[in-house]
C-alpha atoms as a PDB file:
ATOM      1  CA  MET A   1     -65.704 -17.311 -82.491  1.00  0.00           C
ATOM      2  CA  VAL A   2     -62.303 -18.248 -83.757  1.00  0.00           C
ATOM      3  CA  ARG A   3     -61.149 -14.658 -83.746  1.00  0.00           C
ATOM      4  CA  TYR A   4     -62.460 -14.245 -80.274  1.00  0.00           C
ATOM      5  CA  SER A   5     -60.739 -17.446 -79.189  1.00  0.00           C
ATOM      6  CA  CYS A   6     -57.405 -16.232 -80.557  1.00  0.00           C
ATOM      7  CA  LYS A   7     -57.649 -13.042 -78.668  1.00  0.00           C
ATOM      8  CA  GLN A   8     -58.593 -14.936 -75.553  1.00  0.00           C
ATOM      9  CA  ALA A   9     -55.559 -17.189 -76.034  1.00  0.00           C
ATOM     10  CA  GLU A  10     -53.334 -14.160 -76.465  1.00  0.00           C
ATOM     11  CA  VAL A  11     -54.719 -12.650 -73.273  1.00  0.00           C
ATOM     12  CA  GLN A  12     -54.114 -15.876 -71.397  1.00  0.00           C
ATOM     13  CA  THR A  13     -50.574 -16.059 -72.795  1.00  0.00           C
ATOM     14  CA  VAL A  14     -49.796 -12.498 -71.723  1.00  0.00           C
ATOM     15  CA  SER A  15     -51.294 -13.154 -68.325  1.00  0.00           C
ATOM     16  CA  LYS A  16     -49.193 -16.291 -67.957  1.00  0.00           C
ATOM     17  CA  ARG A  17     -46.039 -14.414 -68.934  1.00  0.00           C
ATOM     18  CA  LYS A  18     -46.752 -11.709 -66.369  1.00  0.00           C
ATOM     19  CA  GLN A  19     -47.353 -14.343 -63.762  1.00  0.00           C
ATOM     20  CA  GLN A  20     -44.072 -16.047 -64.611  1.00  0.00           C
ATOM     21  CA  LYS A  21     -42.239 -12.708 -64.514  1.00  0.00           C
ATOM     22  CA  HIS A  22     -43.754 -11.921 -61.129  1.00  0.00           C
ATOM     23  CA  THR A  23     -42.754 -15.336 -59.814  1.00  0.00           C
ATOM     24  CA  THR A  24     -39.184 -14.831 -61.049  1.00  0.00           C
ATOM     25  CA  THR A  25     -38.976 -11.422 -59.358  1.00  0.00           C
ATOM     26  CA  GLN A  26     -40.205 -12.913 -56.080  1.00  0.00           C
ATOM     27  CA  LYS A  27     -37.577 -15.633 -56.311  1.00  0.00           C
ATOM     28  CA  MET A  28     -34.838 -13.084 -56.921  1.00  0.00           C
ATOM     29  CA  LEU A  29     -36.011 -10.969 -53.988  1.00  0.00           C
ATOM     30  CA  TRP A  30     -36.102 -14.069 -51.777  1.00  0.00           C
ATOM     31  CA  VAL A  31     -32.592 -15.081 -52.825  1.00  0.00           C
ATOM     32  CA  LEU A  32     -31.333 -11.552 -52.209  1.00  0.00           C
ATOM     33  CA  SER A  33     -32.984 -11.465 -48.793  1.00  0.00           C
ATOM     34  CA  MET A  34     -31.490 -14.783 -47.843  1.00  0.00           C
ATOM     35  CA  PHE A  35     -28.091 -13.592 -49.017  1.00  0.00           C
ATOM     36  CA  LEU A  36     -28.374 -10.464 -46.904  1.00  0.00           C
ATOM     37  CA  ILE A  37     -29.523 -12.423 -43.878  1.00  0.00           C
ATOM     38  CA  LEU A  38     -26.725 -14.929 -44.338  1.00  0.00           C
ATOM     39  CA  SER A  39     -24.181 -12.079 -44.697  1.00  0.00           C
ATOM     40  CA  MET A  40     -25.379 -10.495 -41.438  1.00  0.00           C
ATOM     41  CA  VAL A  41     -25.160 -13.805 -39.607  1.00  0.00           C
ATOM     42  CA  ILE A  42     -21.633 -14.414 -40.887  1.00  0.00           C
ATOM     43  CA  SER A  43     -20.602 -10.834 -39.933  1.00  0.00           C
ATOM     44  CA  LEU A  44     -21.935 -11.232 -36.405  1.00  0.00           C
ATOM     45  CA  PHE A  45     -20.155 -14.548 -36.023  1.00  0.00           C
ATOM     46  CA  VAL A  46     -16.842 -13.081 -37.247  1.00  0.00           C
ATOM     47  CA  VAL A  47     -17.114 -10.085 -34.872  1.00  0.00           C
ATOM     48  CA  ALA A  48     -17.897 -12.335 -31.954  1.00  0.00           C
ATOM     49  CA  LEU A  49     -14.993 -14.580 -32.868  1.00  0.00           C
ATOM     50  CA  VAL A  50     -12.535 -11.651 -33.057  1.00  0.00           C
ATOM     51  CA  GLN A  51     -13.666 -10.034 -29.806  1.00  0.00           C
ATOM     52  CA  ALA A  52     -13.801 -13.185 -27.750  1.00  0.00           C
ATOM     53  CA  PRO A  53     -10.732 -13.370 -25.462  1.00  0.00           C
ATOM     54  CA  ALA A  54      -8.409 -16.221 -26.115  1.00  0.00           C
ATOM     55  CA  GLU A  55      -7.809 -18.685 -23.393  1.00  0.00           C
ATOM     56  CA  PRO A  56      -4.698 -17.376 -21.569  1.00  0.00           C
ATOM     57  CA  THR A  57      -1.640 -19.523 -21.420  1.00  0.00           C
ATOM     58  CA  PRO A  58       0.248 -19.780 -18.116  1.00  0.00           C
ATOM     59  CA  GLU A  59       2.712 -17.147 -19.387  1.00  0.00           C
ATOM     60  CA  GLN A  60      -0.121 -14.750 -20.195  1.00  0.00           C
ATOM     61  CA  VAL A  61      -1.828 -14.858 -16.805  1.00  0.00           C
ATOM     62  CA  TYR A  62      -1.745 -11.296 -15.315  1.00  0.00           C
ATOM     63  CA  THR A  63       0.518 -10.655 -12.378  1.00  0.00           C
ATOM     64  CA  PRO A  64       0.661  -7.342 -10.463  1.00  0.00           C
ATOM     65  CA  TRP A  65       3.699  -5.034 -10.459  1.00  0.00           C
ATOM     66  CA  PRO A  66       6.292  -6.041  -7.883  1.00  0.00           C
ATOM     67  CA  THR A  67       6.275  -4.159  -4.604  1.00  0.00           C
ATOM     68  CA  LEU A  68       9.387  -2.027  -4.303  1.00  0.00           C
ATOM     69  CA  ALA A  69      10.979  -1.760  -0.889  1.00  0.00           C
ATOM     70  CA  PRO A  70      11.514   1.899   0.090  1.00  0.00           C
ATOM     71  CA  THR A  71      15.126   3.025   0.030  1.00  0.00           C
ATOM     72  CA  GLU A  72      16.698   4.803   2.962  1.00  0.00           C
ATOM     73  CA  ALA A  73      16.426   8.596   2.568  1.00  0.00           C
ATOM     74  CA  PRO A  74      19.761  10.549   2.539  1.00  0.00           C
ATOM     75  CA  GLY A  75      20.668  11.623   5.975  1.00  0.00           C
ATOM     76  CA  GLU A  76      18.213   9.259   7.732  1.00  0.00           C
ATOM     77  CA  PRO A  77      19.590   7.002  10.516  1.00  0.00           C
ATOM     78  CA  SER A  78      20.548   3.454   9.618  1.00  0.00           C
ATOM     79  CA  PRO A  79      17.633   1.026  10.090  1.00  0.00           C
ATOM     80  CA  THR A  80      19.764  -1.211  12.337  1.00  0.00           C
ATOM     81  CA  PRO A  81      20.083   0.510  15.739  1.00  0.00           C
ATOM     82  CA  SER A  82      23.236  -1.212  16.889  1.00  0.00           C
ATOM     83  CA  ALA A  83      26.806  -0.333  17.600  1.00  0.00           C
ATOM     84  CA  VAL A  84      27.885  -1.905  14.322  1.00  0.00           C
ATOM     85  CA  PRO A  85      28.598   0.864  11.811  1.00  0.00           C
ATOM     86  CA  SER A  86      26.307   1.094   8.828  1.00  0.00           C
ATOM     87  CA  PRO A  87      27.589  -0.001   5.388  1.00  0.00           C
ATOM     88  CA  THR A  88      29.900   2.352   3.602  1.00  0.00           C
ATOM     89  CA  PRO A  89      27.865   5.066   1.820  1.00  0.00           C
ATOM     90  CA  GLN A  90      28.743   6.140  -1.679  1.00  0.00           C
ATOM     91  CA  PRO A  91      29.898   9.785  -1.624  1.00  0.00           C
ATOM     92  CA  THR A  92      27.374  12.093  -3.261  1.00  0.00           C
ATOM     93  CA  GLN A  93      28.687  13.908  -6.291  1.00  0.00           C
ATOM     94  CA  PRO A  94      28.087  17.618  -5.603  1.00  0.00           C
ATOM     95  CA  VAL A  95      28.038  20.437  -8.103  1.00  0.00           C
ATOM     96  CA  ALA A  96      31.242  22.256  -8.977  1.00  0.00           C
ATOM     97  CA  GLY A  97      33.177  23.233  -5.879  1.00  0.00           C
ATOM     98  CA  PRO A  98      35.628  21.845  -3.337  1.00  0.00           C
ATOM     99  CA  GLU A  99      36.033  18.094  -3.180  1.00  0.00           C
ATOM    100  CA  LEU A 100      37.343  15.699  -0.556  1.00  0.00           C
ATOM    101  CA  PRO A 101      41.107  15.789  -0.043  1.00  0.00           C
ATOM    102  CA  SER A 102      43.689  14.125  -2.255  1.00  0.00           C
ATOM    103  CA  ALA A 103      43.160  12.152  -5.400  1.00  0.00           C
ATOM    104  CA  THR A 104      41.916   8.888  -3.893  1.00  0.00           C
ATOM    105  CA  PRO A 105      40.668   9.092  -0.286  1.00  0.00           C
ATOM    106  CA  THR A 106      39.747   5.716   1.188  1.00  0.00           C
ATOM    107  CA  ILE A 107      36.450   5.222   3.007  1.00  0.00           C
ATOM    108  CA  THR A 108      36.410   2.215   5.299  1.00  0.00           C
ATOM    109  CA  PRO A 109      33.277   0.522   6.709  1.00  0.00           C
ATOM    110  CA  THR A 110      33.661   2.680   9.828  1.00  0.00           C
ATOM    111  CA  LEU A 111      33.371   5.775   7.637  1.00  0.00           C
ATOM    112  CA  THR A 112      36.970   6.729   8.353  1.00  0.00           C
ATOM    113  CA  VAL A 113      38.426   8.834   5.564  1.00  0.00           C
ATOM    114  CA  THR A 114      42.181   8.363   5.312  1.00  0.00           C
ATOM    115  CA  PRO A 115      43.702  11.082   3.108  1.00  0.00           C
ATOM    116  CA  THR A 116      46.684  10.026   1.050  1.00  0.00           C
ATOM    117  CA  THR A 117      48.505  13.242   1.913  1.00  0.00           C
ATOM    118  CA  THR A 118      50.266  13.428   5.284  1.00  0.00           C
ATOM    119  CA  PRO A 119      52.273  16.215   6.914  1.00  0.00           C
ATOM    120  CA  ALA A 120      55.777  16.558   5.542  1.00  0.00           C
ATOM    121  CA  ALA A 121      58.527  14.836   7.523  1.00  0.00           C
ATOM    122  CA  ALA A 122      60.312  18.156   8.064  1.00  0.00           C
ATOM    123  CA  ASN A 123      57.156  19.650   9.572  1.00  0.00           C
ATOM    124  CA  PRO A 124      55.236  16.893  11.390  1.00  0.00           C
ATOM    125  CA  ALA A 125      52.751  19.314  12.913  1.00  0.00           C
ATOM    126  CA  LEU A 126      49.190  19.064  11.667  1.00  0.00           C
ATOM    127  CA  THR A 127      47.522  22.447  11.185  1.00  0.00           C
ATOM    128  CA  PHE A 128      43.887  22.915  10.238  1.00  0.00           C
ATOM    129  CA  ALA A 129      41.109  25.473  10.545  1.00  0.00           C
ATOM    130  CA  VAL A 130      37.806  25.069  12.370  1.00  0.00           C
ATOM    131  CA  LEU A 131      34.869  27.406  11.785  1.00  0.00           C
ATOM    132  CA  GLY A 132      31.103  27.291  11.956  1.00  0.00           C
ATOM    133  CA  ASP A 133      27.723  28.960  11.523  1.00  0.00           C
ATOM    134  CA  SER A 134      28.390  30.791   8.278  1.00  0.00           C
ATOM    135  CA  ARG A 135      24.734  31.005   7.154  1.00  0.00           C
ATOM    136  CA  ASP A 136      23.017  34.234   6.065  1.00  0.00           C
ATOM    137  CA  ASN A 137      26.190  36.245   5.475  1.00  0.00           C
ATOM    138  CA  PRO A 138      28.174  35.087   2.418  1.00  0.00           C
ATOM    139  CA  LYS A 139      30.241  38.294   2.444  1.00  0.00           C
ATOM    140  CA  VAL A 140      31.681  37.658   5.910  1.00  0.00           C
ATOM    141  CA  TYR A 141      32.024  33.961   5.184  1.00  0.00           C
ATOM    142  CA  ALA A 142      34.045  34.723   2.046  1.00  0.00           C
ATOM    143  CA  GLN A 143      36.359  36.888   4.164  1.00  0.00           C
ATOM    144  CA  VAL A 144      36.783  34.058   6.641  1.00  0.00           C
ATOM    145  CA  LEU A 145      37.651  31.654   3.826  1.00  0.00           C
ATOM    146  CA  GLN A 146      40.220  34.091   2.435  1.00  0.00           C
ATOM    147  CA  ALA A 147      41.869  34.354   5.857  1.00  0.00           C
ATOM    148  CA  VAL A 148      41.940  30.556   6.170  1.00  0.00           C
ATOM    149  CA  ARG A 149      43.604  30.242   2.756  1.00  0.00           C
ATOM    150  CA  ARG A 150      46.482  32.387   4.000  1.00  0.00           C
ATOM    151  CA  SER A 151      46.755  30.613   7.365  1.00  0.00           C
ATOM    152  CA  GLY A 152      48.790  27.588   6.289  1.00  0.00           C
ATOM    153  CA  SER A 153      45.920  25.218   7.139  1.00  0.00           C
ATOM    154  CA  GLN A 154      45.988  21.814   5.511  1.00  0.00           C
ATOM    155  CA  PHE A 155      42.202  21.420   5.566  1.00  0.00           C
ATOM    156  CA  VAL A 156      39.048  22.998   7.002  1.00  0.00           C
ATOM    157  CA  ILE A 157      36.414  21.644   9.375  1.00  0.00           C
ATOM    158  CA  HIS A 158      32.987  23.303   9.431  1.00  0.00           C
ATOM    159  CA  THR A 159      30.841  22.795  12.549  1.00  0.00           C
ATOM    160  CA  GLY A 160      27.546  23.198  10.689  1.00  0.00           C
ATOM    161  CA  ASP A 161      24.817  25.663   9.707  1.00  0.00           C
ATOM    162  CA  MET A 162      26.180  26.498   6.285  1.00  0.00           C
ATOM    163  CA  VAL A 163      22.725  27.521   5.019  1.00  0.00           C
ATOM    164  CA  SER A 164      19.588  28.875   6.650  1.00  0.00           C
ATOM    165  CA  GLN A 165      16.650  26.736   5.484  1.00  0.00           C
ATOM    166  CA  GLY A 166      18.271  23.802   3.691  1.00  0.00           C
ATOM    167  CA  SER A 167      16.777  24.639   0.274  1.00  0.00           C
ATOM    168  CA  ASP A 168      18.461  23.749  -3.014  1.00  0.00           C
ATOM    169  CA  GLY A 169      18.775  27.439  -3.880  1.00  0.00           C
ATOM    170  CA  GLU A 170      20.664  28.165  -0.668  1.00  0.00           C
ATOM    171  CA  TRP A 171      22.943  25.186  -1.163  1.00  0.00           C
ATOM    172  CA  LYS A 172      23.751  26.268  -4.702  1.00  0.00           C
ATOM    173  CA  ALA A 173      24.579  29.757  -3.438  1.00  0.00           C
ATOM    174  CA  PHE A 174      26.811  28.160  -0.808  1.00  0.00           C
ATOM    175  CA  ARG A 175      28.636  26.243  -3.521  1.00  0.00           C
ATOM    176  CA  GLN A 176      29.133  29.484  -5.406  1.00  0.00           C
ATOM    177  CA  THR A 177      30.783  30.965  -2.318  1.00  0.00           C
ATOM    178  CA  MET A 178      33.000  27.882  -1.999  1.00  0.00           C
ATOM    179  CA  ALA A 179      33.946  27.844  -5.696  1.00  0.00           C
ATOM    180  CA  GLY A 180      37.710  28.018  -6.105  1.00  0.00           C
ATOM    181  CA  PHE A 181      38.461  27.307  -2.437  1.00  0.00           C
ATOM    182  CA  PRO A 182      41.568  25.082  -2.633  1.00  0.00           C
ATOM    183  CA  LEU A 183      41.586  23.282   0.733  1.00  0.00           C
ATOM    184  CA  PRO A 184      39.849  20.014   1.611  1.00  0.00           C
ATOM    185  CA  PHE A 185      36.549  20.767   3.334  1.00  0.00           C
ATOM    186  CA  TYR A 186      34.982  18.568   6.034  1.00  0.00           C
ATOM    187  CA  PRO A 187      31.590  19.652   7.447  1.00  0.00           C
ATOM    188  CA  VAL A 188      29.138  18.279   9.982  1.00  0.00           C
ATOM    189  CA  PRO A 189      25.408  18.960   9.592  1.00  0.00           C
ATOM    190  CA  GLY A 190      23.770  21.685  11.652  1.00  0.00           C
ATOM    191  CA  ASN A 191      20.090  22.063  12.457  1.00  0.00           C
ATOM    192  CA  HIS A 192      19.705  24.743   9.752  1.00  0.00           C
ATOM    193  CA  ASP A 193      21.311  22.471   7.150  1.00  0.00           C
ATOM    194  CA  ALA A 194      18.365  20.064   7.341  1.00  0.00           C
ATOM    195  CA  ARG A 195      15.109  20.708   5.509  1.00  0.00           C
ATOM    196  CA  ALA A 196      12.077  19.195   7.236  1.00  0.00           C
ATOM    197  CA  GLY A 197      14.518  17.209   9.347  1.00  0.00           C
ATOM    198  CA  LYS A 198      16.215  15.576   6.347  1.00  0.00           C
ATOM    199  CA  LEU A 199      19.769  15.993   5.066  1.00  0.00           C
ATOM    200  CA  ASP A 200      19.154  15.604   1.314  1.00  0.00           C
ATOM    201  CA  GLY A 201      20.636  18.985   0.425  1.00  0.00           C
ATOM    202  CA  TYR A 202      23.518  18.602   2.862  1.00  0.00           C
ATOM    203  CA  LEU A 203      24.525  15.240   1.423  1.00  0.00           C
ATOM    204  CA  LYS A 204      24.129  16.491  -2.156  1.00  0.00           C
ATOM    205  CA  TYR A 205      26.005  19.782  -1.915  1.00  0.00           C
ATOM    206  CA  SER A 206      28.278  19.917   1.149  1.00  0.00           C
ATOM    207  CA  GLY A 207      30.854  17.375  -0.037  1.00  0.00           C
ATOM    208  CA  ALA A 208      30.507  15.230   3.097  1.00  0.00           C
ATOM    209  CA  PRO A 209      30.554  11.457   2.464  1.00  0.00           C
ATOM    210  CA  GLY A 210      27.798  10.842   5.010  1.00  0.00           C
ATOM    211  CA  SER A 211      25.851  12.276   7.907  1.00  0.00           C
ATOM    212  CA  HIS A 212      28.682  11.094  10.155  1.00  0.00           C
ATOM    213  CA  TYR A 213      32.197   9.931   9.303  1.00  0.00           C
ATOM    214  CA  SER A 214      35.754  10.158  10.600  1.00  0.00           C
ATOM    215  CA  LEU A 215      39.195  11.227   9.409  1.00  0.00           C
ATOM    216  CA  SER A 216      42.686   9.991  10.145  1.00  0.00           C
ATOM    217  CA  PHE A 217      45.728  12.191   9.599  1.00  0.00           C
ATOM    218  CA  GLY A 218      48.895  10.520  10.880  1.00  0.00           C
ATOM    219  CA  PRO A 219      48.637  10.561  14.696  1.00  0.00           C
ATOM    220  CA  VAL A 220      45.304  12.419  14.679  1.00  0.00           C
ATOM    221  CA  HIS A 221      41.830  10.843  14.469  1.00  0.00           C
ATOM    222  CA  ILE A 222      38.804  13.125  14.014  1.00  0.00           C
ATOM    223  CA  ALA A 223      35.225  11.875  14.411  1.00  0.00           C
ATOM    224  CA  LEU A 224      32.577  14.075  12.800  1.00  0.00           C
ATOM    225  CA  VAL A 225      29.204  13.461  14.456  1.00  0.00           C
ATOM    226  CA  ASP A 226      25.617  14.152  13.353  1.00  0.00           C
ATOM    227  CA  SER A 227      23.550  16.157  15.864  1.00  0.00           C
ATOM    228  CA  HIS A 228      21.357  18.046  13.370  1.00  0.00           C
ATOM    229  CA  ASN A 229      18.141  16.942  15.119  1.00  0.00           C
ATOM    230  CA  GLY A 230      19.210  18.739  18.287  1.00  0.00           C
ATOM    231  CA  GLY A 231      21.092  16.039  20.142  1.00  0.00           C
ATOM    232  CA  LEU A 232      22.614  12.554  20.027  1.00  0.00           C
ATOM    233  CA  ASN A 233      20.423   9.463  20.160  1.00  0.00           C
ATOM    234  CA  ALA A 234      21.569   6.038  21.311  1.00  0.00           C
ATOM    235  CA  GLN A 235      22.442   4.913  17.813  1.00  0.00           C
ATOM    236  CA  GLU A 236      24.665   7.906  17.089  1.00  0.00           C
ATOM    237  CA  LEU A 237      26.368   7.551  20.469  1.00  0.00           C
ATOM    238  CA  ALA A 238      26.992   3.843  19.786  1.00  0.00           C
ATOM    239  CA  TRP A 239      28.581   4.674  16.426  1.00  0.00           C
ATOM    240  CA  LEU A 240      30.773   7.329  18.057  1.00  0.00           C
ATOM    241  CA  ARG A 241      31.948   5.045  20.861  1.00  0.00           C
ATOM    242  CA  GLN A 242      32.864   2.262  18.435  1.00  0.00           C
ATOM    243  CA  ASP A 243      34.601   4.628  16.027  1.00  0.00           C
ATOM    244  CA  LEU A 244      36.746   6.098  18.806  1.00  0.00           C
ATOM    245  CA  SER A 245      37.479   2.715  20.390  1.00  0.00           C
ATOM    246  CA  GLN A 246      38.800   1.397  17.071  1.00  0.00           C
ATOM    247  CA  ALA A 247      41.061   4.404  16.491  1.00  0.00           C
ATOM    248  CA  SER A 248      44.710   3.789  17.409  1.00  0.00           C
ATOM    249  CA  GLN A 249      45.851   7.406  17.006  1.00  0.00           C
ATOM    250  CA  ALA A 250      47.216   9.254  20.029  1.00  0.00           C
ATOM    251  CA  PHE A 251      45.108  12.351  19.410  1.00  0.00           C
ATOM    252  CA  LYS A 252      41.346  11.903  19.222  1.00  0.00           C
ATOM    253  CA  ILE A 253      39.211  14.894  18.288  1.00  0.00           C
ATOM    254  CA  VAL A 254      35.422  15.063  17.986  1.00  0.00           C
ATOM    255  CA  VAL A 255      33.397  17.580  15.954  1.00  0.00           C
ATOM    256  CA  LEU A 256      29.632  18.156  16.070  1.00  0.00           C
ATOM    257  CA  HIS A 257      27.222  21.056  15.758  1.00  0.00           C
ATOM    258  CA  HIS A 258      25.552  21.250  19.169  1.00  0.00           C
ATOM    259  CA  PRO A 259      27.756  21.711  22.255  1.00  0.00           C
ATOM    260  CA  ALA A 260      27.081  19.453  25.235  1.00  0.00           C
ATOM    261  CA  PHE A 261      27.282  22.464  27.559  1.00  0.00           C
ATOM    262  CA  ASP A 262      27.983  26.188  27.331  1.00  0.00           C
ATOM    263  CA  PRO A 263      30.926  27.574  29.322  1.00  0.00           C
ATOM    264  CA  ASP A 264      29.089  30.919  29.228  1.00  0.00           C
ATOM    265  CA  GLY A 265      26.138  29.339  31.011  1.00  0.00           C
ATOM    266  CA  THR A 266      23.360  29.513  28.403  1.00  0.00           C
ATOM    267  CA  ASP A 267      21.013  26.650  27.571  1.00  0.00           C
ATOM    268  CA  HIS A 268      21.600  26.853  23.801  1.00  0.00           C
ATOM    269  CA  ILE A 269      23.053  23.340  23.793  1.00  0.00           C
ATOM    270  CA  MET A 270      22.173  19.736  22.930  1.00  0.00           C
ATOM    271  CA  ALA A 271      18.610  18.818  23.879  1.00  0.00           C
ATOM    272  CA  TYR A 272      19.462  15.191  24.665  1.00  0.00           C
ATOM    273  CA  GLY A 273      22.437  12.840  24.940  1.00  0.00           C
ATOM    274  CA  ASN A 274      24.612  15.372  26.803  1.00  0.00           C
ATOM    275  CA  ASP A 275      25.682  13.260  29.778  1.00  0.00           C
ATOM    276  CA  ALA A 276      26.270  10.130  27.701  1.00  0.00           C
ATOM    277  CA  PHE A 277      28.355  12.158  25.242  1.00  0.00           C
ATOM    278  CA  LEU A 278      30.518  13.653  28.004  1.00  0.00           C
ATOM    279  CA  ALA A 279      31.057  10.179  29.480  1.00  0.00           C
ATOM    280  CA  ILE A 280      32.216   8.795  26.120  1.00  0.00           C
ATOM    281  CA  MET A 281      34.647  11.693  25.661  1.00  0.00           C
ATOM    282  CA  GLN A 282      36.280  10.920  28.994  1.00  0.00           C
ATOM    283  CA  GLU A 283      36.133   7.154  28.498  1.00  0.00           C
ATOM    284  CA  GLN A 284      37.787   7.251  25.050  1.00  0.00           C
ATOM    285  CA  GLY A 285      40.514   9.744  25.980  1.00  0.00           C
ATOM    286  CA  VAL A 286      39.403  12.461  23.557  1.00  0.00           C
ATOM    287  CA  LYS A 287      41.700  15.505  23.566  1.00  0.00           C
ATOM    288  CA  ALA A 288      39.361  18.167  22.188  1.00  0.00           C
ATOM    289  CA  VAL A 289      35.731  18.633  21.122  1.00  0.00           C
ATOM    290  CA  PHE A 290      34.740  21.334  18.622  1.00  0.00           C
ATOM    291  CA  ALA A 291      31.132  22.477  18.255  1.00  0.00           C
ATOM    292  CA  GLY A 292      29.178  25.379  16.783  1.00  0.00           C
ATOM    293  CA  HIS A 293      25.517  26.429  17.157  1.00  0.00           C
ATOM    294  CA  ILE A 294      26.329  29.307  19.523  1.00  0.00           C
ATOM    295  CA  HIS A 295      27.382  32.322  17.443  1.00  0.00           C
ATOM    296  CA  ALA A 296      30.358  33.250  19.566  1.00  0.00           C
ATOM    297  CA  TYR A 297      33.521  31.661  20.957  1.00  0.00           C
ATOM    298  CA  ALA A 298      34.150  29.945  24.280  1.00  0.00           C
ATOM    299  CA  GLN A 299      36.143  27.038  25.707  1.00  0.00           C
ATOM    300  CA  ALA A 300      36.342  25.055  28.925  1.00  0.00           C
ATOM    301  CA  GLU A 301      37.937  21.850  30.203  1.00  0.00           C
ATOM    302  CA  ARG A 302      36.120  18.961  31.866  1.00  0.00           C
ATOM    303  CA  ASN A 303      37.710  15.734  33.037  1.00  0.00           C
ATOM    304  CA  GLY A 304      40.796  16.301  30.895  1.00  0.00           C
ATOM    305  CA  VAL A 305      38.839  17.071  27.704  1.00  0.00           C
ATOM    306  CA  LEU A 306      38.915  20.519  26.091  1.00  0.00           C
ATOM    307  CA  TYR A 307      35.483  21.695  24.847  1.00  0.00           C
ATOM    308  CA  VAL A 308      35.362  24.560  22.357  1.00  0.00           C
ATOM    309  CA  TYR A 309      32.572  26.092  20.327  1.00  0.00           C
ATOM    310  CA  THR A 310      33.111  28.362  17.353  1.00  0.00           C
ATOM    311  CA  GLY A 311      30.128  30.012  15.678  1.00  0.00           C
ATOM    312  CA  GLY A 312      31.635  33.148  14.169  1.00  0.00           C
ATOM    313  CA  GLY A 313      31.631  32.237  10.467  1.00  0.00           C
ATOM    314  CA  GLY A 314      29.078  34.845   9.385  1.00  0.00           C
ATOM    315  CA  ALA A 315      25.752  34.100  11.083  1.00  0.00           C
ATOM    316  CA  PRO A 316      24.212  36.832  13.315  1.00  0.00           C
ATOM    317  CA  LEU A 317      26.328  37.046  16.455  1.00  0.00           C
ATOM    318  CA  TYR A 318      25.006  36.240  19.941  1.00  0.00           C
ATOM    319  CA  ARG A 319      26.275  39.255  21.844  1.00  0.00           C
ATOM    320  CA  ASP A 320      23.979  38.904  24.864  1.00  0.00           C
ATOM    321  CA  GLY A 321      25.583  36.673  27.468  1.00  0.00           C
ATOM    322  CA  HIS A 322      28.703  36.008  25.435  1.00  0.00           C
ATOM    323  CA  ALA A 323      31.889  38.006  25.947  1.00  0.00           C
ATOM    324  CA  ASN A 324      33.543  36.682  22.768  1.00  0.00           C
ATOM    325  CA  ALA A 325      30.913  37.243  20.112  1.00  0.00           C
ATOM    326  CA  PHE A 326      32.880  38.197  16.987  1.00  0.00           C
ATOM    327  CA  TYR A 327      33.557  36.827  13.516  1.00  0.00           C
ATOM    328  CA  HIS A 328      36.477  34.414  13.603  1.00  0.00           C
ATOM    329  CA  TYR A 329      37.889  30.990  12.884  1.00  0.00           C
ATOM    330  CA  LEU A 330      40.150  28.691  14.898  1.00  0.00           C
ATOM    331  CA  LEU A 331      43.644  27.700  13.793  1.00  0.00           C
ATOM    332  CA  VAL A 332      44.405  24.334  15.390  1.00  0.00           C
ATOM    333  CA  THR A 333      47.886  22.830  15.533  1.00  0.00           C
ATOM    334  CA  VAL A 334      48.606  19.335  16.789  1.00  0.00           C
ATOM    335  CA  ALA A 335      52.302  18.812  17.577  1.00  0.00           C
ATOM    336  CA  ASP A 336      54.618  17.728  20.358  1.00  0.00           C
ATOM    337  CA  GLU A 337      51.827  15.761  22.066  1.00  0.00           C
ATOM    338  CA  LYS A 338      49.601  18.795  22.549  1.00  0.00           C
ATOM    339  CA  VAL A 339      46.831  20.726  20.823  1.00  0.00           C
ATOM    340  CA  VAL A 340      47.291  24.459  20.353  1.00  0.00           C
ATOM    341  CA  ILE A 341      44.246  26.575  19.440  1.00  0.00           C
ATOM    342  CA  GLU A 342      44.540  30.115  18.118  1.00  0.00           C
ATOM    343  CA  VAL A 343      41.450  32.296  17.781  1.00  0.00           C
ATOM    344  CA  VAL A 344      41.755  34.422  14.620  1.00  0.00           C
ATOM    345  CA  LYS A 345      39.395  37.387  14.347  1.00  0.00           C
ATOM    346  CA  VAL A 346      38.140  38.409  10.917  1.00  0.00           C
END
């Protein structure tokens, strides 16, 4: 019985030890589970804390980008349709080629360019060349430029249509043709010089300080007018009238691309503003008006004003209906209170 009892006690002891070991294992598993659960809760709390947006301060409150007012496109009319001239434009820096005359020309608010060079006292006459419509034929145009270089001209006026479609490539080719030309060059824009009605290329490459401007050489004032859209609107006419009325020079000359009428009788002229333009020329005592657009040469006088068009700079000639359709330029001399015009064939 004793032996049996000892064995029974040993069995109970072993059983108790196993039970204690099992209880310890359960406690460890419970502690581990609680630790894992607690770790997950802490992780979720930290993530939520990091991702939650902070309360914005007044400086951090989002504001949209400012609205930018559109700038005026080059060559577009001034937004103020009045007789007051628009603010002085900054001359566009073209690629290599001829620049405006003299070292420091002055541009006034009326867009009057006053060259620092004036005719010599021993030879007070002012001599300059006028030509136009040189597009599509750089070979002939180069010949015209060479003839002008030898003419004794002090500067050159171009009556427009220097290129055909107004593309950058054409303007760069034009600048190549003009490279090395030594005389000051003053153009007006023609209808072919505008691309989609805009003068971006003209203002970038032609050397002109604006779509319209004026020059003063001693006793001579020259207004260069913008008619590239086919005629002259009220705003352009108002600018022209004010520019001429403020000029004190004895000789007033006007340059534009489209003629107000054709002495040869064709209708290849301004589409609008003709009568108002002719009235201003008479009213302001203008001596001569030079235009282009018609690829020939003709002149006529109306109400004491001489009207001339010159379109023989290289563009295809208009032989039908025009007796003087040939390549040429005009050599203009202002002296002794008169204007002398010589037609020079090339």
